[in-house]
Amino acid sequence: MSEPAIRISGLTKTYAGGKLALDGIDLEIPRGSIFGLLGPNGAGKSTTINILAGLVNKTAGSARIWGFDIDEHPRNAKASIGIVPQELVFDAFFTPFETLELQAGLFGVPPARRRSMELLRAVRLDDKAHVYSRTLSGGMKRRLLVAKALVHNPPVLVLDEPTAGVDIELRQQLWDYVRMLHAGGTTVVLTTHYLEEAEALCDRIAIINQGKVVANDETGTLLAMAGDKKLIVTVDRDLDAVPPGLEGLKGAELRMGRVLTLTYDKRRTNAGAVLANVAAVGLGVVDVSTREADLEDVFLDLTRG
């Protein structure tokens, strides 16, 4: 089908008191993609997700999930999406198995079609299936939330800051499982403050700032938007400060006495010209390396101020 997994048109949300959280955003999330939804705190990401989940009422605009309008077909829309929230919310006296069974019942999944133990094995919690959820570690609770979001086998999975507070090993396990789900056809929407995760995982990224979509493109295209490049130059003698005369640069920083980090606009000049400038102020170059702009640079350019 050509219908995207999620289509948002003119979505607006104004909270009581007049705070404008979403200012008419338009967004299409392709089926079968891993889509990054990024933005600073308070940009409108969680409001967007909560509207899709049916937890917040929109002020204006429309949203469709897997072809179902959230107002006209709310039951079908909710059945088409699984959401892993930021907060670790559980009934402390339910076991992981009971938690999944209850959630499956709420979605109308008959007992014969429930996959509670299968999901617990998938997130490596089968050995904790019958202990109280309150005894689980933070990382285990995070994985249980992922399993809980999948009990009704939704075609769209939204992960809202899924690796917050999770150690490196558990984070890698979670991403391995997300990649497996994606390979099986699940559309994944990810919000994260770990921009290196979004850069590595997402094939398309939208950035929201102050309730507006300020960028929406393939990850590689977004990275190409960054004009800055860094040249790390080790010179042949100790310096007390960045020498005068290093012109045409966007920034210059001295580290460890002999290492200069020189930032330049690659659309206006090149590394050869920067090194010629270093030589012109009487410095010899011992070593040089470059660093291309990453998603963090693009993010800051688009959201700064």
C-alpha atoms as a PDB file:
ATOM      1  CA  MET A   1       0.000   0.000   0.000  1.00  0.00           C
ATOM      2  CA  SER A   2       1.105   3.568  -0.715  1.00  0.00           C
ATOM      3  CA  GLU A   3      -0.533   4.845   2.487  1.00  0.00           C
ATOM      4  CA  PRO A   4       2.235   5.716   4.986  1.00  0.00           C
ATOM      5  CA  ALA A   5       2.387   4.039   8.376  1.00  0.00           C
ATOM      6  CA  ILE A   6       1.550   7.360  10.030  1.00  0.00           C
ATOM      7  CA  ARG A   7       0.240  10.493   8.317  1.00  0.00           C
ATOM      8  CA  ILE A   8      -0.071  13.713  10.327  1.00  0.00           C
ATOM      9  CA  SER A   9      -1.627  16.809   8.736  1.00  0.00           C
ATOM     10  CA  GLY A  10      -1.844  20.254  10.323  1.00  0.00           C
ATOM     11  CA  LEU A  11      -1.635  18.775  13.827  1.00  0.00           C
ATOM     12  CA  THR A  12      -2.076  21.472  16.459  1.00  0.00           C
ATOM     13  CA  LYS A  13      -2.249  21.306  20.232  1.00  0.00           C
ATOM     14  CA  THR A  14      -2.858  24.247  22.543  1.00  0.00           C
ATOM     15  CA  TYR A  15      -2.938  23.447  26.238  1.00  0.00           C
ATOM     16  CA  ALA A  16      -4.996  25.286  28.861  1.00  0.00           C
ATOM     17  CA  GLY A  17      -3.412  28.622  29.530  1.00  0.00           C
ATOM     18  CA  GLY A  18      -2.567  29.154  25.879  1.00  0.00           C
ATOM     19  CA  LYS A  19       0.666  27.162  25.580  1.00  0.00           C
ATOM     20  CA  LEU A  20       1.087  26.115  21.947  1.00  0.00           C
ATOM     21  CA  ALA A  21       2.753  22.684  21.967  1.00  0.00           C
ATOM     22  CA  LEU A  22       2.230  21.771  18.297  1.00  0.00           C
ATOM     23  CA  ASP A  23       1.900  24.402  15.591  1.00  0.00           C
ATOM     24  CA  GLY A  24       0.293  22.713  12.596  1.00  0.00           C
ATOM     25  CA  ILE A  25       2.870  19.989  11.917  1.00  0.00           C
ATOM     26  CA  ASP A  26       2.778  17.804   8.803  1.00  0.00           C
ATOM     27  CA  LEU A  27       4.566  14.464   8.872  1.00  0.00           C
ATOM     28  CA  GLU A  28       4.537  11.207   6.947  1.00  0.00           C
ATOM     29  CA  ILE A  29       6.286   8.117   8.281  1.00  0.00           C
ATOM     30  CA  PRO A  30       6.856   5.502   5.546  1.00  0.00           C
ATOM     31  CA  ARG A  31       5.870   1.885   6.108  1.00  0.00           C
ATOM     32  CA  GLY A  32       8.780  -0.383   6.920  1.00  0.00           C
ATOM     33  CA  SER A  33      11.102   2.417   8.018  1.00  0.00           C
ATOM     34  CA  ILE A  34      13.019   3.174  11.194  1.00  0.00           C
ATOM     35  CA  PHE A  35      12.032   6.806  11.634  1.00  0.00           C
ATOM     36  CA  GLY A  36      13.722   9.174  14.092  1.00  0.00           C
ATOM     37  CA  LEU A  37      11.629  11.901  15.721  1.00  0.00           C
ATOM     38  CA  LEU A  38      14.084  14.254  17.408  1.00  0.00           C
ATOM     39  CA  GLY A  39      13.948  17.581  19.168  1.00  0.00           C
ATOM     40  CA  PRO A  40      14.949  19.390  22.375  1.00  0.00           C
ATOM     41  CA  ASN A  41      12.953  19.033  25.579  1.00  0.00           C
ATOM     42  CA  GLY A  42       9.555  20.674  25.206  1.00  0.00           C
ATOM     43  CA  ALA A  43       9.685  20.655  21.399  1.00  0.00           C
ATOM     44  CA  GLY A  44       6.448  18.666  21.022  1.00  0.00           C
ATOM     45  CA  LYS A  45       7.653  15.090  20.508  1.00  0.00           C
ATOM     46  CA  SER A  46       5.835  13.564  23.485  1.00  0.00           C
ATOM     47  CA  THR A  47       2.687  15.561  22.738  1.00  0.00           C
ATOM     48  CA  THR A  48       2.664  14.124  19.214  1.00  0.00           C
ATOM     49  CA  ILE A  49       3.115  10.578  20.525  1.00  0.00           C
ATOM     50  CA  ASN A  50       0.439  11.026  23.197  1.00  0.00           C
ATOM     51  CA  ILE A  51      -2.043  12.240  20.576  1.00  0.00           C
ATOM     52  CA  LEU A  52      -1.326   9.150  18.477  1.00  0.00           C
ATOM     53  CA  ALA A  53      -1.786   6.990  21.579  1.00  0.00           C
ATOM     54  CA  GLY A  54      -5.135   8.599  22.388  1.00  0.00           C
ATOM     55  CA  LEU A  55      -3.862  10.041  25.667  1.00  0.00           C
ATOM     56  CA  VAL A  56      -4.050  13.702  24.586  1.00  0.00           C
ATOM     57  CA  ASN A  57      -6.791  15.358  22.547  1.00  0.00           C
ATOM     58  CA  LYS A  58      -5.566  17.402  19.602  1.00  0.00           C
ATOM     59  CA  THR A  59      -6.800  20.954  19.061  1.00  0.00           C
ATOM     60  CA  ALA A  60      -6.842  20.780  15.257  1.00  0.00           C
ATOM     61  CA  GLY A  61      -5.546  18.769  12.329  1.00  0.00           C
ATOM     62  CA  SER A  62      -5.690  15.047  11.626  1.00  0.00           C
ATOM     63  CA  ALA A  63      -3.648  11.891  12.178  1.00  0.00           C
ATOM     64  CA  ARG A  64      -3.918   8.470  10.573  1.00  0.00           C
ATOM     65  CA  ILE A  65      -2.225   5.279  11.772  1.00  0.00           C
ATOM     66  CA  TRP A  66      -1.965   2.429   9.260  1.00  0.00           C
ATOM     67  CA  GLY A  67      -4.730   4.101   7.259  1.00  0.00           C
ATOM     68  CA  PHE A  68      -7.104   4.595  10.205  1.00  0.00           C
ATOM     69  CA  ASP A  69      -8.077   8.106  11.297  1.00  0.00           C
ATOM     70  CA  ILE A  70      -7.624   8.437  15.064  1.00  0.00           C
ATOM     71  CA  ASP A  71     -11.015  10.201  15.362  1.00  0.00           C
ATOM     72  CA  GLU A  72     -13.103   8.198  12.886  1.00  0.00           C
ATOM     73  CA  HIS A  73     -11.649   4.764  13.707  1.00  0.00           C
ATOM     74  CA  PRO A  74     -10.028   5.099  17.150  1.00  0.00           C
ATOM     75  CA  ARG A  75     -10.180   1.387  17.988  1.00  0.00           C
ATOM     76  CA  ASN A  76      -8.466   0.328  14.759  1.00  0.00           C
ATOM     77  CA  ALA A  77      -5.925   3.137  15.044  1.00  0.00           C
ATOM     78  CA  LYS A  78      -4.973   2.109  18.596  1.00  0.00           C
ATOM     79  CA  ALA A  79      -4.752  -1.549  17.580  1.00  0.00           C
ATOM     80  CA  SER A  80      -2.243  -0.563  14.861  1.00  0.00           C
ATOM     81  CA  ILE A  81       0.303   1.011  17.188  1.00  0.00           C
ATOM     82  CA  GLY A  82       2.339  -0.070  20.191  1.00  0.00           C
ATOM     83  CA  ILE A  83       3.950   2.591  22.330  1.00  0.00           C
ATOM     84  CA  VAL A  84       6.872   2.212  24.733  1.00  0.00           C
ATOM     85  CA  PRO A  85       6.636   5.279  27.017  1.00  0.00           C
ATOM     86  CA  GLN A  86       9.466   7.086  28.768  1.00  0.00           C
ATOM     87  CA  GLU A  87       8.070   6.390  32.229  1.00  0.00           C
ATOM     88  CA  LEU A  88       8.516   3.004  33.909  1.00  0.00           C
ATOM     89  CA  VAL A  89       4.903   2.441  34.948  1.00  0.00           C
ATOM     90  CA  PHE A  90       3.853  -0.971  36.302  1.00  0.00           C
ATOM     91  CA  ASP A  91       1.566  -2.522  38.841  1.00  0.00           C
ATOM     92  CA  ALA A  92       4.112  -3.473  41.473  1.00  0.00           C
ATOM     93  CA  PHE A  93       2.211  -6.638  42.467  1.00  0.00           C
ATOM     94  CA  PHE A  94       1.874  -8.091  38.958  1.00  0.00           C
ATOM     95  CA  THR A  95       4.456 -10.405  37.497  1.00  0.00           C
ATOM     96  CA  PRO A  96       5.778  -9.764  33.955  1.00  0.00           C
ATOM     97  CA  PHE A  97       3.668 -12.681  32.688  1.00  0.00           C
ATOM     98  CA  GLU A  98       0.524 -11.315  34.339  1.00  0.00           C
ATOM     99  CA  THR A  99       1.307  -7.828  32.995  1.00  0.00           C
ATOM    100  CA  LEU A 100       1.430  -9.104  29.419  1.00  0.00           C
ATOM    101  CA  GLU A 101      -1.656 -11.282  29.852  1.00  0.00           C
ATOM    102  CA  LEU A 102      -3.655  -8.325  31.180  1.00  0.00           C
ATOM    103  CA  GLN A 103      -2.464  -6.040  28.383  1.00  0.00           C
ATOM    104  CA  ALA A 104      -3.365  -8.658  25.765  1.00  0.00           C
ATOM    105  CA  GLY A 105      -6.832  -8.939  27.293  1.00  0.00           C
ATOM    106  CA  LEU A 106      -7.317  -5.176  27.116  1.00  0.00           C
ATOM    107  CA  PHE A 107      -6.620  -5.369  23.371  1.00  0.00           C
ATOM    108  CA  GLY A 108      -9.058  -8.234  22.957  1.00  0.00           C
ATOM    109  CA  VAL A 109      -6.441 -10.868  22.123  1.00  0.00           C
ATOM    110  CA  PRO A 110      -8.026 -14.271  22.865  1.00  0.00           C
ATOM    111  CA  PRO A 111      -6.079 -16.579  25.210  1.00  0.00           C
ATOM    112  CA  ALA A 112      -5.200 -19.017  22.418  1.00  0.00           C
ATOM    113  CA  ARG A 113      -3.454 -16.254  20.456  1.00  0.00           C
ATOM    114  CA  ARG A 114      -1.528 -14.631  23.291  1.00  0.00           C
ATOM    115  CA  ARG A 115       2.280 -14.690  23.091  1.00  0.00           C
ATOM    116  CA  SER A 116       3.267 -13.705  26.614  1.00  0.00           C
ATOM    117  CA  MET A 117       6.071 -16.237  27.142  1.00  0.00           C
ATOM    118  CA  GLU A 118       7.279 -15.830  23.546  1.00  0.00           C
ATOM    119  CA  LEU A 119       7.629 -12.084  24.081  1.00  0.00           C
ATOM    120  CA  LEU A 120       9.332 -12.524  27.448  1.00  0.00           C
ATOM    121  CA  ARG A 121      11.855 -14.869  25.833  1.00  0.00           C
ATOM    122  CA  ALA A 122      12.405 -12.358  23.043  1.00  0.00           C
ATOM    123  CA  VAL A 123      13.317  -9.603  25.531  1.00  0.00           C
ATOM    124  CA  ARG A 124      15.258 -12.063  27.726  1.00  0.00           C
ATOM    125  CA  LEU A 125      12.900 -11.952  30.683  1.00  0.00           C
ATOM    126  CA  ASP A 126      11.523 -15.491  30.566  1.00  0.00           C
ATOM    127  CA  ASP A 127      13.458 -16.361  33.747  1.00  0.00           C
ATOM    128  CA  LYS A 128      11.686 -13.451  35.497  1.00  0.00           C
ATOM    129  CA  ALA A 129       8.214 -14.305  34.203  1.00  0.00           C
ATOM    130  CA  HIS A 130       6.722 -15.066  37.631  1.00  0.00           C
ATOM    131  CA  VAL A 131       8.471 -12.649  39.975  1.00  0.00           C
ATOM    132  CA  TYR A 132       6.945  -9.345  41.054  1.00  0.00           C
ATOM    133  CA  SER A 133       7.663  -6.565  38.557  1.00  0.00           C
ATOM    134  CA  ARG A 134       8.833  -4.313  41.381  1.00  0.00           C
ATOM    135  CA  THR A 135      11.892  -6.547  41.845  1.00  0.00           C
ATOM    136  CA  LEU A 136      13.134  -6.002  38.273  1.00  0.00           C
ATOM    137  CA  SER A 137      16.041  -3.689  37.514  1.00  0.00           C
ATOM    138  CA  GLY A 138      15.497  -0.522  35.494  1.00  0.00           C
ATOM    139  CA  GLY A 139      16.804  -2.143  32.327  1.00  0.00           C
ATOM    140  CA  MET A 140      14.544  -5.171  32.793  1.00  0.00           C
ATOM    141  CA  LYS A 141      11.519  -2.917  33.303  1.00  0.00           C
ATOM    142  CA  ARG A 142      12.403  -1.086  30.096  1.00  0.00           C
ATOM    143  CA  ARG A 143      12.478  -4.367  28.186  1.00  0.00           C
ATOM    144  CA  LEU A 144       9.176  -5.406  29.754  1.00  0.00           C
ATOM    145  CA  LEU A 145       7.647  -2.196  28.398  1.00  0.00           C
ATOM    146  CA  VAL A 146       8.765  -3.206  24.906  1.00  0.00           C
ATOM    147  CA  ALA A 147       7.121  -6.618  25.302  1.00  0.00           C
ATOM    148  CA  LYS A 148       3.973  -4.967  26.678  1.00  0.00           C
ATOM    149  CA  ALA A 149       3.737  -2.743  23.579  1.00  0.00           C
ATOM    150  CA  LEU A 150       3.879  -5.800  21.303  1.00  0.00           C
ATOM    151  CA  VAL A 151       1.192  -8.045  22.850  1.00  0.00           C
ATOM    152  CA  HIS A 152      -1.335  -7.181  20.096  1.00  0.00           C
ATOM    153  CA  ASN A 153       1.236  -7.538  17.305  1.00  0.00           C
ATOM    154  CA  PRO A 154       0.980  -3.929  16.045  1.00  0.00           C
ATOM    155  CA  PRO A 155       2.495  -2.991  12.667  1.00  0.00           C
ATOM    156  CA  VAL A 156       3.863   0.272  14.140  1.00  0.00           C
ATOM    157  CA  LEU A 157       6.075   0.457  17.249  1.00  0.00           C
ATOM    158  CA  VAL A 158       6.888   3.809  18.880  1.00  0.00           C
ATOM    159  CA  LEU A 159       9.877   3.922  21.228  1.00  0.00           C
ATOM    160  CA  ASP A 160       9.898   7.082  23.357  1.00  0.00           C
ATOM    161  CA  GLU A 161      13.388   7.447  24.857  1.00  0.00           C
ATOM    162  CA  PRO A 162      13.719   3.646  25.185  1.00  0.00           C
ATOM    163  CA  THR A 163      17.356   3.563  26.332  1.00  0.00           C
ATOM    164  CA  ALA A 164      17.178   6.263  29.002  1.00  0.00           C
ATOM    165  CA  GLY A 165      18.969   4.903  32.054  1.00  0.00           C
ATOM    166  CA  VAL A 166      19.876   1.615  30.356  1.00  0.00           C
ATOM    167  CA  ASP A 167      23.473   0.342  30.452  1.00  0.00           C
ATOM    168  CA  ILE A 168      25.480  -0.255  27.293  1.00  0.00           C
ATOM    169  CA  GLU A 169      24.967  -4.026  27.139  1.00  0.00           C
ATOM    170  CA  LEU A 170      21.199  -3.821  27.612  1.00  0.00           C
ATOM    171  CA  ARG A 171      21.004  -0.983  25.109  1.00  0.00           C
ATOM    172  CA  GLN A 172      22.721  -3.132  22.507  1.00  0.00           C
ATOM    173  CA  GLN A 173      20.367  -6.040  23.254  1.00  0.00           C
ATOM    174  CA  LEU A 174      17.376  -3.742  22.828  1.00  0.00           C
ATOM    175  CA  TRP A 175      18.589  -2.435  19.484  1.00  0.00           C
ATOM    176  CA  ASP A 176      19.309  -5.950  18.253  1.00  0.00           C
ATOM    177  CA  TYR A 177      15.699  -6.848  19.015  1.00  0.00           C
ATOM    178  CA  VAL A 178      14.388  -3.667  17.362  1.00  0.00           C
ATOM    179  CA  ARG A 179      16.405  -4.476  14.232  1.00  0.00           C
ATOM    180  CA  MET A 180      14.896  -7.972  14.227  1.00  0.00           C
ATOM    181  CA  LEU A 181      11.370  -6.524  14.481  1.00  0.00           C
ATOM    182  CA  HIS A 182      12.142  -4.111  11.666  1.00  0.00           C
ATOM    183  CA  ALA A 183      13.471  -6.921   9.496  1.00  0.00           C
ATOM    184  CA  GLY A 184      10.132  -8.661  10.041  1.00  0.00           C
ATOM    185  CA  GLY A 185       8.228  -5.665   8.652  1.00  0.00           C
ATOM    186  CA  THR A 186       7.495  -3.571  11.757  1.00  0.00           C
ATOM    187  CA  THR A 187       7.651   0.185  11.266  1.00  0.00           C
ATOM    188  CA  VAL A 188       9.662   1.720  14.124  1.00  0.00           C
ATOM    189  CA  VAL A 189       9.416   5.322  15.330  1.00  0.00           C
ATOM    190  CA  LEU A 190      12.189   6.367  17.701  1.00  0.00           C
ATOM    191  CA  THR A 191      12.665   9.392  19.913  1.00  0.00           C
ATOM    192  CA  THR A 192      16.006   9.647  21.671  1.00  0.00           C
ATOM    193  CA  HIS A 193      18.486  12.125  23.092  1.00  0.00           C
ATOM    194  CA  TYR A 194      21.328   9.781  22.122  1.00  0.00           C
ATOM    195  CA  LEU A 195      21.829  11.247  18.658  1.00  0.00           C
ATOM    196  CA  GLU A 196      24.457   8.685  17.724  1.00  0.00           C
ATOM    197  CA  GLU A 197      21.732   6.046  18.090  1.00  0.00           C
ATOM    198  CA  ALA A 198      19.442   7.880  15.709  1.00  0.00           C
ATOM    199  CA  GLU A 199      22.282   8.375  13.238  1.00  0.00           C
ATOM    200  CA  ALA A 200      23.161   4.675  13.285  1.00  0.00           C
ATOM    201  CA  LEU A 201      19.625   3.234  13.293  1.00  0.00           C
ATOM    202  CA  CYS A 202      17.288   5.572  11.426  1.00  0.00           C
ATOM    203  CA  ASP A 203      16.935   5.744   7.669  1.00  0.00           C
ATOM    204  CA  ARG A 204      14.878   8.937   7.933  1.00  0.00           C
ATOM    205  CA  ILE A 205      14.744  11.653  10.591  1.00  0.00           C
ATOM    206  CA  ALA A 206      12.429  14.542  11.414  1.00  0.00           C
ATOM    207  CA  ILE A 207      13.456  17.280  13.849  1.00  0.00           C
ATOM    208  CA  ILE A 208      10.800  19.204  15.783  1.00  0.00           C
ATOM    209  CA  ASN A 209      11.562  22.528  17.436  1.00  0.00           C
ATOM    210  CA  GLN A 210       9.062  24.781  19.242  1.00  0.00           C
ATOM    211  CA  GLY A 211       6.139  22.801  17.882  1.00  0.00           C
ATOM    212  CA  LYS A 212       7.218  22.944  14.242  1.00  0.00           C
ATOM    213  CA  VAL A 213       8.940  20.445  11.958  1.00  0.00           C
ATOM    214  CA  VAL A 214      12.220  22.140  11.027  1.00  0.00           C
ATOM    215  CA  ALA A 215      13.712  19.204   9.082  1.00  0.00           C
ATOM    216  CA  ASN A 216      12.436  15.951   7.611  1.00  0.00           C
ATOM    217  CA  ASP A 217      14.683  13.976   5.298  1.00  0.00           C
ATOM    218  CA  GLU A 218      16.789  10.878   4.834  1.00  0.00           C
ATOM    219  CA  THR A 219      19.564  10.637   7.414  1.00  0.00           C
ATOM    220  CA  GLY A 220      22.353  10.953   4.842  1.00  0.00           C
ATOM    221  CA  THR A 221      20.757  14.070   3.335  1.00  0.00           C
ATOM    222  CA  LEU A 222      20.430  15.675   6.767  1.00  0.00           C
ATOM    223  CA  LEU A 223      24.091  14.995   7.530  1.00  0.00           C
ATOM    224  CA  ALA A 224      25.078  16.626   4.249  1.00  0.00           C
ATOM    225  CA  MET A 225      23.321  19.820   5.411  1.00  0.00           C
ATOM    226  CA  ALA A 226      26.053  20.496   7.939  1.00  0.00           C
ATOM    227  CA  GLY A 227      28.616  22.801   6.439  1.00  0.00           C
ATOM    228  CA  ASP A 228      31.132  22.721   9.279  1.00  0.00           C
ATOM    229  CA  LYS A 229      34.152  20.458   9.344  1.00  0.00           C
ATOM    230  CA  LYS A 230      36.903  20.165  11.924  1.00  0.00           C
ATOM    231  CA  LEU A 231      40.613  19.859  11.280  1.00  0.00           C
ATOM    232  CA  ILE A 232      42.689  18.599  14.213  1.00  0.00           C
ATOM    233  CA  VAL A 233      46.269  19.763  13.684  1.00  0.00           C
ATOM    234  CA  THR A 234      49.295  18.875  15.810  1.00  0.00           C
ATOM    235  CA  VAL A 235      52.002  21.527  15.378  1.00  0.00           C
ATOM    236  CA  ASP A 236      55.747  21.386  15.947  1.00  0.00           C
ATOM    237  CA  ARG A 237      55.998  23.441  19.129  1.00  0.00           C
ATOM    238  CA  ASP A 238      54.093  24.310  22.290  1.00  0.00           C
ATOM    239  CA  LEU A 239      51.699  27.243  22.157  1.00  0.00           C
ATOM    240  CA  ASP A 240      50.248  29.407  24.893  1.00  0.00           C
ATOM    241  CA  ALA A 241      47.256  30.483  22.824  1.00  0.00           C
ATOM    242  CA  VAL A 242      45.792  30.249  19.340  1.00  0.00           C
ATOM    243  CA  PRO A 243      48.149  32.359  17.216  1.00  0.00           C
ATOM    244  CA  PRO A 244      46.712  35.435  15.491  1.00  0.00           C
ATOM    245  CA  GLY A 245      46.378  35.273  11.738  1.00  0.00           C
ATOM    246  CA  LEU A 246      44.383  32.049  11.450  1.00  0.00           C
ATOM    247  CA  GLU A 247      41.737  33.684   9.297  1.00  0.00           C
ATOM    248  CA  GLY A 248      38.657  32.422   7.501  1.00  0.00           C
ATOM    249  CA  LEU A 249      37.820  29.982  10.275  1.00  0.00           C
ATOM    250  CA  LYS A 250      34.585  29.597  12.219  1.00  0.00           C
ATOM    251  CA  GLY A 251      36.462  28.568  15.334  1.00  0.00           C
ATOM    252  CA  ALA A 252      39.895  27.728  16.687  1.00  0.00           C
ATOM    253  CA  GLU A 253      40.712  25.960  19.945  1.00  0.00           C
ATOM    254  CA  LEU A 254      44.055  25.032  21.509  1.00  0.00           C
ATOM    255  CA  ARG A 255      44.319  21.736  23.377  1.00  0.00           C
ATOM    256  CA  MET A 256      47.319  20.191  25.155  1.00  0.00           C
ATOM    257  CA  GLY A 257      49.737  22.902  24.049  1.00  0.00           C
ATOM    258  CA  ARG A 258      50.322  21.606  20.512  1.00  0.00           C
ATOM    259  CA  VAL A 259      46.912  20.486  19.214  1.00  0.00           C
ATOM    260  CA  LEU A 260      44.727  22.974  17.363  1.00  0.00           C
ATOM    261  CA  THR A 261      41.103  22.174  16.546  1.00  0.00           C
ATOM    262  CA  LEU A 262      40.158  24.352  13.606  1.00  0.00           C
ATOM    263  CA  THR A 263      36.528  24.593  12.476  1.00  0.00           C
ATOM    264  CA  TYR A 264      35.816  25.789   8.949  1.00  0.00           C
ATOM    265  CA  ASP A 265      32.913  25.949   6.497  1.00  0.00           C
ATOM    266  CA  LYS A 266      33.619  23.270   3.901  1.00  0.00           C
ATOM    267  CA  ARG A 267      31.343  25.094   1.446  1.00  0.00           C
ATOM    268  CA  ARG A 268      33.651  28.127   1.462  1.00  0.00           C
ATOM    269  CA  THR A 269      37.125  26.685   1.885  1.00  0.00           C
ATOM    270  CA  ASN A 270      38.974  23.360   2.110  1.00  0.00           C
ATOM    271  CA  ALA A 271      41.491  21.585   4.312  1.00  0.00           C
ATOM    272  CA  GLY A 272      44.390  22.536   2.057  1.00  0.00           C
ATOM    273  CA  ALA A 273      43.672  26.237   2.454  1.00  0.00           C
ATOM    274  CA  VAL A 274      43.373  25.871   6.244  1.00  0.00           C
ATOM    275  CA  LEU A 275      46.736  24.061   6.434  1.00  0.00           C
ATOM    276  CA  ALA A 276      48.304  26.738   4.231  1.00  0.00           C
ATOM    277  CA  ASN A 277      47.026  29.307   6.722  1.00  0.00           C
ATOM    278  CA  VAL A 278      48.664  27.344   9.573  1.00  0.00           C
ATOM    279  CA  ALA A 279      51.975  27.338   7.694  1.00  0.00           C
ATOM    280  CA  ALA A 280      51.639  31.071   6.950  1.00  0.00           C
ATOM    281  CA  VAL A 281      51.689  31.913  10.668  1.00  0.00           C
ATOM    282  CA  GLY A 282      54.979  30.031  11.041  1.00  0.00           C
ATOM    283  CA  LEU A 283      53.805  26.689  12.401  1.00  0.00           C
ATOM    284  CA  GLY A 284      54.967  23.298  11.183  1.00  0.00           C
ATOM    285  CA  VAL A 285      52.407  20.499  10.906  1.00  0.00           C
ATOM    286  CA  VAL A 286      53.338  17.223  12.622  1.00  0.00           C
ATOM    287  CA  ASP A 287      49.994  15.430  12.299  1.00  0.00           C
ATOM    288  CA  VAL A 288      46.529  16.184  10.967  1.00  0.00           C
ATOM    289  CA  SER A 289      43.104  14.504  11.061  1.00  0.00           C
ATOM    290  CA  THR A 290      39.576  15.561  10.147  1.00  0.00           C
ATOM    291  CA  ARG A 291      36.126  15.103  11.632  1.00  0.00           C
ATOM    292  CA  GLU A 292      33.016  15.364   9.513  1.00  0.00           C
ATOM    293  CA  ALA A 293      29.880  16.909  10.952  1.00  0.00           C
ATOM    294  CA  ASP A 294      27.532  14.441  12.634  1.00  0.00           C
ATOM    295  CA  LEU A 295      23.861  14.485  13.513  1.00  0.00           C
ATOM    296  CA  GLU A 296      24.584  16.423  16.703  1.00  0.00           C
ATOM    297  CA  ASP A 297      25.999  19.295  14.655  1.00  0.00           C
ATOM    298  CA  VAL A 298      22.942  19.329  12.388  1.00  0.00           C
ATOM    299  CA  PHE A 299      20.608  19.129  15.368  1.00  0.00           C
ATOM    300  CA  LEU A 300      22.255  22.088  17.093  1.00  0.00           C
ATOM    301  CA  ASP A 301      22.263  24.151  13.897  1.00  0.00           C
ATOM    302  CA  LEU A 302      18.528  23.613  13.431  1.00  0.00           C
ATOM    303  CA  THR A 303      17.409  24.058  17.048  1.00  0.00           C
ATOM    304  CA  ARG A 304      19.850  26.611  18.433  1.00  0.00           C
ATOM    305  CA  GLY A 305      18.109  29.746  19.668  1.00  0.00           C
END
